[in-house]
Amino acid sequence: MGNPVKIYTLSTCSHCKATKRFLDKCNIKFEFEDVDLLEGEERAAILEEVKKWNPDCSFPTIIIGDKVIVGYKEDEIREALGL
């Protein structure tokens, strides 16, 4: 379980919430950023970061190591985590 997990989410997004619940259920440590709760330059900077991984800038954008998964795709998340 060496790969760091980072997810970019919206606080109101049901797929984002499902992703967080799934990672919690699997006891996976992860960092997340609720992009809609950020303001000003901080939000702009994070959105630029998200676009590097996911040009459509849709949520959730999940980064596991160097693998990017867009949306709540449990099978792909499991595979990327080696579960």
N, C-alpha and C. Protein backbone atom coordinates (compact mmCIF):
# COMPACT_ATOMS: atom_id res chain seq x y z
N MET A 1 0.85 -1.20 0.00
CA MET A 1 0.00 0.00 0.00
C MET A 1 0.88 1.25 0.00
N GLY A 2 1.90 1.26 -0.85
CA GLY A 2 2.83 2.36 -0.83
C GLY A 2 2.38 3.59 -1.58
N ASN A 3 1.41 3.46 -2.47
CA ASN A 3 1.04 4.61 -3.30
C ASN A 3 0.22 5.63 -2.53
N PRO A 4 0.62 6.90 -2.59
CA PRO A 4 -0.20 7.92 -1.94
C PRO A 4 -1.52 8.08 -2.70
N VAL A 5 -2.58 8.39 -1.96
CA VAL A 5 -3.90 8.55 -2.56
C VAL A 5 -4.36 9.98 -2.29
N LYS A 6 -4.70 10.67 -3.36
CA LYS A 6 -5.19 12.05 -3.26
C LYS A 6 -6.46 12.15 -4.09
N ILE A 7 -7.49 12.74 -3.54
CA ILE A 7 -8.71 12.92 -4.32
C ILE A 7 -9.15 14.38 -4.28
N TYR A 8 -9.59 14.82 -5.43
CA TYR A 8 -10.15 16.17 -5.57
C TYR A 8 -11.65 15.99 -5.67
N THR A 9 -12.36 16.66 -4.77
CA THR A 9 -13.79 16.42 -4.63
C THR A 9 -14.56 17.74 -4.53
N LEU A 10 -15.88 17.60 -4.58
CA LEU A 10 -16.79 18.70 -4.25
C LEU A 10 -17.55 18.27 -3.01
N SER A 11 -17.76 19.18 -2.08
CA SER A 11 -18.40 18.81 -0.81
C SER A 11 -19.83 18.33 -1.01
N THR A 12 -20.47 18.70 -2.12
CA THR A 12 -21.88 18.37 -2.34
C THR A 12 -22.08 17.18 -3.28
N CYS A 13 -20.98 16.59 -3.76
CA CYS A 13 -21.05 15.57 -4.82
C CYS A 13 -21.26 14.17 -4.23
N SER A 14 -22.31 13.48 -4.64
CA SER A 14 -22.60 12.15 -4.08
C SER A 14 -21.53 11.13 -4.48
N HIS A 15 -20.99 11.23 -5.70
CA HIS A 15 -19.93 10.30 -6.11
C HIS A 15 -18.66 10.54 -5.31
N CYS A 16 -18.40 11.79 -4.98
CA CYS A 16 -17.23 12.13 -4.17
C CYS A 16 -17.38 11.54 -2.77
N LYS A 17 -18.57 11.69 -2.20
CA LYS A 17 -18.83 11.15 -0.86
C LYS A 17 -18.69 9.63 -0.87
N ALA A 18 -19.20 8.99 -1.93
CA ALA A 18 -19.11 7.53 -2.04
C ALA A 18 -17.65 7.09 -2.12
N THR A 19 -16.83 7.85 -2.84
CA THR A 19 -15.41 7.52 -2.96
C THR A 19 -14.74 7.59 -1.59
N LYS A 20 -15.01 8.66 -0.84
CA LYS A 20 -14.42 8.80 0.50
C LYS A 20 -14.87 7.66 1.40
N ARG A 21 -16.17 7.33 1.35
CA ARG A 21 -16.69 6.22 2.18
C ARG A 21 -16.00 4.91 1.83
N PHE A 22 -15.86 4.66 0.52
CA PHE A 22 -15.23 3.42 0.06
C PHE A 22 -13.78 3.33 0.57
N LEU A 23 -13.02 4.41 0.43
CA LEU A 23 -11.62 4.40 0.89
C LEU A 23 -11.56 4.21 2.40
N ASP A 24 -12.46 4.86 3.14
CA ASP A 24 -12.51 4.68 4.60
C ASP A 24 -12.81 3.23 4.94
N LYS A 25 -13.79 2.64 4.24
CA LYS A 25 -14.19 1.25 4.50
C LYS A 25 -13.02 0.29 4.28
N CYS A 26 -12.18 0.62 3.29
CA CYS A 26 -11.01 -0.21 2.97
C CYS A 26 -9.79 0.15 3.81
N ASN A 27 -9.98 1.07 4.77
CA ASN A 27 -8.88 1.53 5.63
C ASN A 27 -7.71 2.10 4.83
N ILE A 28 -8.04 2.85 3.78
CA ILE A 28 -7.02 3.48 2.95
C ILE A 28 -6.86 4.93 3.42
N LYS A 29 -5.62 5.30 3.72
CA LYS A 29 -5.35 6.70 4.06
C LYS A 29 -5.36 7.51 2.78
N PHE A 30 -6.00 8.66 2.83
CA PHE A 30 -6.03 9.51 1.64
C PHE A 30 -6.10 10.98 2.04
N GLU A 31 -5.62 11.81 1.14
CA GLU A 31 -5.79 13.25 1.29
C GLU A 31 -6.88 13.67 0.33
N PHE A 32 -7.65 14.67 0.72
CA PHE A 32 -8.66 15.16 -0.22
C PHE A 32 -8.74 16.66 -0.14
N GLU A 33 -9.24 17.22 -1.20
CA GLU A 33 -9.43 18.66 -1.30
C GLU A 33 -10.85 18.88 -1.80
N ASP A 34 -11.71 19.49 -0.96
CA ASP A 34 -13.06 19.87 -1.40
C ASP A 34 -12.91 21.20 -2.15
N VAL A 35 -12.82 21.11 -3.46
CA VAL A 35 -12.48 22.26 -4.29
C VAL A 35 -13.50 23.39 -4.16
N ASP A 36 -14.78 23.01 -4.01
CA ASP A 36 -15.82 24.05 -3.93
C ASP A 36 -15.76 24.86 -2.64
N LEU A 37 -15.02 24.38 -1.63
CA LEU A 37 -14.92 25.12 -0.37
C LEU A 37 -13.72 26.08 -0.36
N LEU A 38 -12.89 25.98 -1.39
CA LEU A 38 -11.74 26.88 -1.49
C LEU A 38 -12.17 28.19 -2.13
N GLU A 39 -11.35 29.21 -1.95
CA GLU A 39 -11.68 30.52 -2.52
C GLU A 39 -10.47 31.14 -3.20
N GLY A 40 -10.74 32.02 -4.12
CA GLY A 40 -9.71 32.87 -4.71
C GLY A 40 -8.55 32.11 -5.33
N GLU A 41 -7.33 32.57 -5.00
CA GLU A 41 -6.12 32.02 -5.60
C GLU A 41 -5.93 30.54 -5.24
N GLU A 42 -6.29 30.20 -4.02
CA GLU A 42 -6.14 28.80 -3.59
C GLU A 42 -7.00 27.89 -4.49
N ARG A 43 -8.24 28.29 -4.74
CA ARG A 43 -9.12 27.51 -5.62
C ARG A 43 -8.55 27.45 -7.04
N ALA A 44 -8.10 28.58 -7.55
CA ALA A 44 -7.54 28.64 -8.91
C ALA A 44 -6.33 27.71 -9.03
N ALA A 45 -5.48 27.71 -8.01
CA ALA A 45 -4.27 26.87 -8.04
C ALA A 45 -4.65 25.39 -8.03
N ILE A 46 -5.60 25.02 -7.20
CA ILE A 46 -6.03 23.61 -7.13
C ILE A 46 -6.69 23.20 -8.44
N LEU A 47 -7.50 24.06 -9.02
CA LEU A 47 -8.14 23.72 -10.30
C LEU A 47 -7.10 23.50 -11.40
N GLU A 48 -6.03 24.27 -11.39
CA GLU A 48 -4.94 24.05 -12.35
C GLU A 48 -4.31 22.68 -12.12
N GLU A 49 -4.14 22.32 -10.85
CA GLU A 49 -3.58 21.01 -10.50
C GLU A 49 -4.50 19.90 -11.01
N VAL A 50 -5.81 20.04 -10.77
CA VAL A 50 -6.77 19.03 -11.22
C VAL A 50 -6.70 18.88 -12.74
N LYS A 51 -6.61 20.01 -13.45
CA LYS A 51 -6.58 19.96 -14.93
C LYS A 51 -5.37 19.21 -15.46
N LYS A 52 -4.27 19.22 -14.71
CA LYS A 52 -3.08 18.46 -15.13
C LYS A 52 -3.40 16.97 -15.17
N TRP A 53 -4.19 16.53 -14.20
CA TRP A 53 -4.55 15.11 -14.10
C TRP A 53 -5.76 14.79 -14.96
N ASN A 54 -6.72 15.72 -14.99
CA ASN A 54 -8.01 15.49 -15.62
C ASN A 54 -8.44 16.77 -16.33
N PRO A 55 -8.12 16.89 -17.64
CA PRO A 55 -8.41 18.13 -18.38
C PRO A 55 -9.88 18.56 -18.33
N ASP A 56 -10.80 17.60 -18.13
CA ASP A 56 -12.23 17.95 -18.05
C ASP A 56 -12.58 18.59 -16.71
N CYS A 57 -11.69 18.43 -15.73
CA CYS A 57 -11.88 19.03 -14.41
C CYS A 57 -13.21 18.58 -13.79
N SER A 58 -13.47 17.28 -13.87
CA SER A 58 -14.69 16.72 -13.28
C SER A 58 -14.33 16.01 -11.98
N PHE A 59 -15.33 15.70 -11.20
CA PHE A 59 -15.10 15.18 -9.85
C PHE A 59 -15.89 13.90 -9.59
N PRO A 60 -15.38 13.01 -8.75
CA PRO A 60 -14.05 13.10 -8.14
C PRO A 60 -12.94 12.76 -9.13
N THR A 61 -11.80 13.39 -8.93
CA THR A 61 -10.58 13.02 -9.64
C THR A 61 -9.70 12.36 -8.57
N ILE A 62 -9.37 11.10 -8.81
CA ILE A 62 -8.66 10.28 -7.83
C ILE A 62 -7.27 9.98 -8.38
N ILE A 63 -6.25 10.27 -7.59
CA ILE A 63 -4.88 9.96 -8.01
C ILE A 63 -4.32 8.94 -7.03
N ILE A 64 -3.95 7.79 -7.57
CA ILE A 64 -3.35 6.72 -6.76
C ILE A 64 -1.99 6.44 -7.39
N GLY A 65 -0.93 6.89 -6.71
CA GLY A 65 0.39 6.82 -7.31
C GLY A 65 0.41 7.69 -8.55
N ASP A 66 0.64 7.09 -9.72
CA ASP A 66 0.61 7.87 -10.96
C ASP A 66 -0.60 7.52 -11.81
N LYS A 67 -1.56 6.78 -11.22
CA LYS A 67 -2.78 6.40 -11.94
C LYS A 67 -3.89 7.39 -11.60
N VAL A 68 -4.62 7.79 -12.63
CA VAL A 68 -5.73 8.74 -12.44
C VAL A 68 -7.04 8.04 -12.75
N ILE A 69 -7.99 8.15 -11.84
CA ILE A 69 -9.33 7.60 -12.04
C ILE A 69 -10.29 8.77 -11.89
N VAL A 70 -11.15 8.94 -12.88
CA VAL A 70 -12.12 10.03 -12.84
C VAL A 70 -13.50 9.41 -12.60
N GLY A 71 -14.14 9.83 -11.53
CA GLY A 71 -15.45 9.28 -11.18
C GLY A 71 -15.30 8.17 -10.16
N TYR A 72 -16.43 7.76 -9.61
CA TYR A 72 -16.43 6.70 -8.60
C TYR A 72 -16.52 5.36 -9.32
N LYS A 73 -15.37 4.75 -9.56
CA LYS A 73 -15.29 3.46 -10.25
C LYS A 73 -14.62 2.48 -9.31
N GLU A 74 -15.44 1.82 -8.49
CA GLU A 74 -14.92 0.99 -7.41
C GLU A 74 -13.93 -0.06 -7.90
N ASP A 75 -14.23 -0.72 -9.03
CA ASP A 75 -13.33 -1.76 -9.54
C ASP A 75 -11.97 -1.19 -9.90
N GLU A 76 -11.95 -0.05 -10.57
CA GLU A 76 -10.68 0.58 -10.95
C GLU A 76 -9.91 1.04 -9.72
N ILE A 77 -10.62 1.55 -8.72
CA ILE A 77 -9.97 2.00 -7.48
C ILE A 77 -9.35 0.80 -6.78
N ARG A 78 -10.11 -0.30 -6.67
CA ARG A 78 -9.58 -1.53 -6.04
C ARG A 78 -8.32 -1.99 -6.75
N GLU A 79 -8.38 -2.02 -8.08
CA GLU A 79 -7.24 -2.49 -8.86
C GLU A 79 -6.01 -1.61 -8.63
N ALA A 80 -6.23 -0.30 -8.67
CA ALA A 80 -5.11 0.64 -8.48
C ALA A 80 -4.50 0.51 -7.09
N LEU A 81 -5.34 0.15 -6.11
CA LEU A 81 -4.86 0.00 -4.74
C LEU A 81 -4.30 -1.40 -4.48
N GLY A 82 -4.52 -2.31 -5.42
CA GLY A 82 -4.08 -3.68 -5.24
C GLY A 82 -4.93 -4.44 -4.22
N LEU A 83 -6.22 -4.13 -4.17
CA LEU A 83 -7.13 -4.79 -3.20
C LEU A 83 -7.77 -6.02 -3.83
